[in-house]
Amino acid sequence: PINGAASRVGKTDTAWNYRDAKWAQVMVGVDPDSANNEKTISWTKSYYDALHPFSAGGAYVNFLMGDEGEERVKKTYGGNYERLVAIKSKYDPDNFFRVNQNIKPSKL
């Protein structure tokens, strides 16, 4: 569980929204034989799909992968997303810093 000092910070005090989460899980599929890559990826995604209905919908931002899409990023930041878009639009309107779990500026 996310508890202790981390859970005492308000949801809007930082970008991270899920300080009241009951659990966090990272799924990593690893096989030393690269011939099994597709099978390993498929199993990991199936496991994720089975657990996701029981989640709050977002993620810890560093757990996001590049193929999860903008909607998942929005859910990760929850009610903080629009505030972060405004900050991004002000300080990085051309989206120079985008090789990450990107928040697009409002004009893009």
Protein backbone atom coordinates (compact mmCIF):
# COMPACT_ATOMS: atom_id res chain seq x y z
CA PRO A 1 0.00 0.00 0.00
CA ILE A 2 0.91 3.62 -0.49
CA ASN A 3 0.97 4.79 3.10
CA GLY A 4 3.09 6.66 5.61
CA ALA A 5 4.39 10.07 4.61
CA ALA A 6 3.52 9.55 0.92
CA SER A 7 -0.18 9.16 1.73
CA ARG A 8 -0.29 12.32 3.83
CA VAL A 9 0.49 14.58 0.86
CA GLY A 10 -2.63 16.05 -0.76
CA LYS A 11 -3.68 14.89 -4.24
CA THR A 12 -3.12 18.36 -5.70
CA ASP A 13 0.12 19.15 -3.83
CA THR A 14 2.20 17.35 -6.47
CA ALA A 15 1.57 15.94 -9.94
CA TRP A 16 1.07 12.36 -8.70
CA ASN A 17 -2.59 11.62 -8.04
CA TYR A 18 -2.73 8.13 -6.47
CA ARG A 19 -1.42 8.72 -2.94
CA ASP A 20 -4.39 6.82 -1.51
CA ALA A 21 -3.83 3.68 -3.61
CA LYS A 22 -4.20 0.40 -1.76
CA TRP A 23 -1.55 -1.28 -3.89
CA ALA A 24 0.86 -0.71 -6.76
CA GLN A 25 2.14 -3.34 -9.13
CA VAL A 26 4.72 -3.39 -11.90
CA MET A 27 4.53 -6.13 -14.50
CA VAL A 28 7.75 -7.05 -16.24
CA GLY A 29 8.02 -9.97 -18.64
CA VAL A 30 11.57 -11.30 -19.02
CA ASP A 31 12.85 -14.38 -20.81
CA PRO A 32 16.53 -14.96 -21.65
CA ASP A 33 15.50 -16.53 -24.96
CA SER A 34 14.51 -13.75 -27.38
CA ALA A 35 12.56 -16.31 -29.41
CA ASN A 36 9.95 -16.08 -26.65
CA ASN A 37 9.53 -12.28 -26.84
CA GLU A 38 6.06 -12.28 -28.39
CA LYS A 39 4.80 -14.96 -26.02
CA THR A 40 6.23 -13.10 -23.01
CA ILE A 41 4.74 -9.77 -24.11
CA SER A 42 1.38 -11.42 -24.75
CA TRP A 43 1.35 -13.10 -21.32
CA THR A 44 2.30 -9.84 -19.58
CA LYS A 45 -0.43 -7.89 -21.38
CA SER A 46 -3.00 -10.59 -20.55
CA TYR A 47 -2.01 -10.41 -16.89
CA TYR A 48 -2.34 -6.61 -16.99
CA ASP A 49 -5.77 -6.89 -18.65
CA ALA A 50 -6.94 -9.30 -15.94
CA LEU A 51 -5.89 -6.97 -13.10
CA HIS A 52 -6.77 -3.61 -14.61
CA PRO A 53 -10.53 -3.73 -13.86
CA PHE A 54 -9.60 -3.73 -10.16
CA SER A 55 -7.31 -0.71 -10.41
CA ALA A 56 -7.99 2.99 -9.97
CA GLY A 57 -7.25 3.43 -13.68
CA GLY A 58 -3.99 5.34 -13.58
CA ALA A 59 -0.43 4.45 -12.78
CA TYR A 60 2.67 5.64 -11.04
CA VAL A 61 4.09 7.82 -13.81
CA ASN A 62 7.42 5.97 -14.07
CA PHE A 63 5.56 2.69 -14.57
CA LEU A 64 3.96 3.91 -17.82
CA MET A 65 5.28 2.48 -21.06
CA GLY A 66 5.48 4.35 -24.35
CA ASP A 67 2.61 2.45 -25.99
CA GLU A 68 -0.09 3.19 -23.41
CA GLY A 69 -1.44 6.34 -25.01
CA GLU A 70 -2.51 9.80 -23.98
CA GLU A 71 -5.68 8.69 -22.18
CA ARG A 72 -3.66 6.56 -19.76
CA VAL A 73 -1.36 9.54 -19.08
CA LYS A 74 -4.44 11.67 -18.33
CA LYS A 75 -5.78 9.05 -15.91
CA THR A 76 -2.40 8.83 -14.22
CA TYR A 77 -2.42 12.53 -13.36
CA GLY A 78 -6.17 12.59 -12.62
CA GLY A 79 -7.47 15.98 -11.54
CA ASN A 80 -3.97 17.44 -11.83
CA TYR A 81 -3.78 16.89 -15.60
CA GLU A 82 -5.29 20.21 -16.74
CA ARG A 83 -3.05 22.15 -14.35
CA LEU A 84 -0.03 20.31 -15.79
CA VAL A 85 -1.17 21.08 -19.36
CA ALA A 86 -1.29 24.78 -18.44
CA ILE A 87 2.24 24.61 -17.01
CA LYS A 88 3.50 22.68 -20.04
CA SER A 89 1.86 25.20 -22.39
CA LYS A 90 3.55 28.08 -20.62
CA TYR A 91 7.07 26.66 -20.26
CA ASP A 92 7.32 24.20 -23.16
CA PRO A 93 4.78 25.30 -25.80
CA ASP A 94 6.67 23.54 -28.60
CA ASN A 95 6.80 20.24 -26.68
CA PHE A 96 10.60 20.04 -26.79
CA PHE A 97 10.61 17.85 -23.67
CA ARG A 98 8.49 15.01 -25.01
CA VAL A 99 10.57 11.85 -24.74
CA ASN A 100 8.80 10.85 -21.53
CA GLN A 101 5.29 10.15 -20.30
CA ASN A 102 4.33 13.25 -22.21
CA ILE A 103 1.78 15.88 -21.37
CA LYS A 104 1.09 17.79 -24.56
CA PRO A 105 0.82 21.58 -24.45
CA SER A 106 -2.67 22.84 -25.21
CA LYS A 107 -1.87 24.12 -28.72
CA LEU A 108 -0.70 20.71 -30.04
